[in-house]
Amino acid sequence: MPEFIEECIELLNEEWPKSINIRRISIQKTLNNKPPLSIILLEKENKLIGHARLCPLPQNENGCWIESVVIWKNLRGKGFGRTLMKGIEMCAKEFGFKETKLIST
């Protein structure tokens, strides 16, 4: 996913504007094989469609939260958000999380 960092910054900042450097640091902290991690949804041509982040709950080893779920504005209403959420929920189960919370702003 490192090759998609700049595009993820642009996508996230389209919805929730933030300093590019702070956003880059935040994304780099989630370039992991285990939570906290970022999940991205790509088209066949490797074009970024959406982003979501999975993080463990600090006080609950069986729980996690999902945040920063976003699809490009021009691609909304086509089921991509549903696909992204199904993928991140499957990922949470694979890591053994039994409780999932969605954080929205």
Protein backbone atom coordinates (compact mmCIF):
# COMPACT_ATOMS: atom_id res chain seq x y z
CA MET A 1 0.00 0.00 0.00
CA PRO A 2 2.89 2.51 0.29
CA GLU A 3 2.36 3.41 -3.37
CA PHE A 4 -1.15 4.64 -2.50
CA ILE A 5 -0.23 6.91 0.43
CA GLU A 6 -0.50 10.17 -1.51
CA GLU A 7 -3.83 9.19 -3.05
CA CYS A 8 -5.16 8.11 0.36
CA ILE A 9 -4.12 11.48 1.78
CA GLU A 10 -6.04 13.22 -1.00
CA LEU A 11 -9.12 11.03 -0.49
CA LEU A 12 -9.16 11.44 3.29
CA ASN A 13 -8.54 15.19 3.05
CA GLU A 14 -11.39 15.56 0.58
CA GLU A 15 -13.73 14.44 3.38
CA TRP A 16 -11.83 15.54 6.51
CA PRO A 17 -9.22 18.24 5.75
CA LYS A 18 -6.03 17.92 7.80
CA SER A 19 -2.36 18.78 7.43
CA ILE A 20 -0.79 16.64 4.71
CA ASN A 21 2.20 15.84 6.95
CA ILE A 22 0.00 14.78 9.88
CA ARG A 23 -2.12 12.68 7.51
CA ARG A 24 1.00 11.04 6.04
CA ILE A 25 2.32 10.14 9.52
CA SER A 26 -1.09 8.74 10.48
CA ILE A 27 -1.27 6.56 7.37
CA GLN A 28 2.32 5.37 7.74
CA LYS A 29 1.48 4.13 11.24
CA THR A 30 -1.14 1.83 9.70
CA LEU A 31 1.03 0.21 7.03
CA ASN A 32 1.00 -3.02 9.03
CA ASN A 33 0.04 -6.66 8.62
CA LYS A 34 -1.97 -6.46 11.85
CA PRO A 35 -4.09 -3.73 13.47
CA PRO A 36 -3.83 -0.85 13.46
CA LEU A 37 -3.97 -1.12 9.70
CA SER A 38 -5.47 0.63 6.71
CA ILE A 39 -7.57 -1.21 4.15
CA ILE A 40 -8.00 0.19 0.66
CA LEU A 41 -10.44 -0.78 -2.07
CA LEU A 42 -9.04 -0.80 -5.60
CA GLU A 43 -10.53 -1.20 -9.06
CA LYS A 44 -9.09 -3.71 -11.51
CA GLU A 45 -6.81 -1.00 -12.90
CA ASN A 46 -5.39 -0.40 -9.39
CA LYS A 47 -7.30 2.85 -9.01
CA LEU A 48 -8.11 3.77 -5.43
CA ILE A 49 -11.84 3.69 -4.66
CA GLY A 50 -11.95 3.87 -0.88
CA HIS A 51 -10.18 3.64 2.46
CA ALA A 52 -10.95 2.34 5.96
CA ARG A 53 -8.87 1.85 9.09
CA LEU A 54 -9.07 -0.99 11.64
CA CYS A 55 -7.71 -0.33 15.15
CA PRO A 56 -7.74 -2.45 18.32
CA LEU A 57 -9.69 -1.11 21.29
CA PRO A 58 -7.15 -0.18 24.00
CA GLN A 59 -9.16 -1.56 26.93
CA ASN A 60 -10.68 -4.58 25.16
CA GLU A 61 -8.47 -7.20 23.52
CA ASN A 62 -11.56 -8.73 21.86
CA GLY A 63 -12.67 -5.45 20.34
CA CYS A 64 -11.71 -3.10 17.55
CA TRP A 65 -12.97 0.06 15.96
CA ILE A 66 -13.35 0.96 12.32
CA GLU A 67 -12.75 4.55 11.29
CA SER A 68 -11.87 6.75 8.33
CA VAL A 69 -14.27 4.90 6.04
CA VAL A 70 -14.54 6.92 2.85
CA ILE A 71 -15.25 6.46 -0.86
CA TRP A 72 -14.43 9.07 -3.50
CA LYS A 73 -17.48 11.36 -3.80
CA ASN A 74 -17.95 10.63 -7.51
CA LEU A 75 -18.05 6.86 -6.82
CA ARG A 76 -20.59 6.87 -3.99
CA GLY A 77 -23.95 5.14 -4.35
CA LYS A 78 -22.50 2.24 -6.35
CA GLY A 79 -22.06 -0.29 -3.53
CA PHE A 80 -18.33 0.30 -3.00
CA GLY A 81 -18.84 1.37 0.61
CA ARG A 82 -20.74 -1.84 1.31
CA THR A 83 -17.93 -3.86 -0.28
CA LEU A 84 -15.29 -2.00 1.74
CA MET A 85 -17.21 -2.52 5.00
CA LYS A 86 -17.68 -6.24 4.31
CA GLY A 87 -13.94 -6.54 3.67
CA ILE A 88 -12.90 -4.73 6.82
CA GLU A 89 -15.43 -6.68 8.91
CA MET A 90 -13.98 -9.94 7.52
CA CYS A 91 -10.51 -8.67 8.36
CA ALA A 92 -11.61 -7.93 11.94
CA LYS A 93 -12.95 -11.48 12.30
CA GLU A 94 -9.73 -12.94 10.89
CA PHE A 95 -7.82 -11.12 13.64
CA GLY A 96 -10.17 -12.63 16.22
CA PHE A 97 -12.07 -9.50 17.16
CA LYS A 98 -15.50 -10.33 18.57
CA GLU A 99 -16.71 -6.76 19.03
CA THR A 100 -16.54 -4.06 16.38
CA LYS A 101 -17.40 -0.37 16.72
CA LEU A 102 -17.78 2.06 13.85
CA ILE A 103 -16.50 5.56 14.56
CA SER A 104 -18.00 8.31 12.41
CA THR A 105 -17.76 12.07 12.37
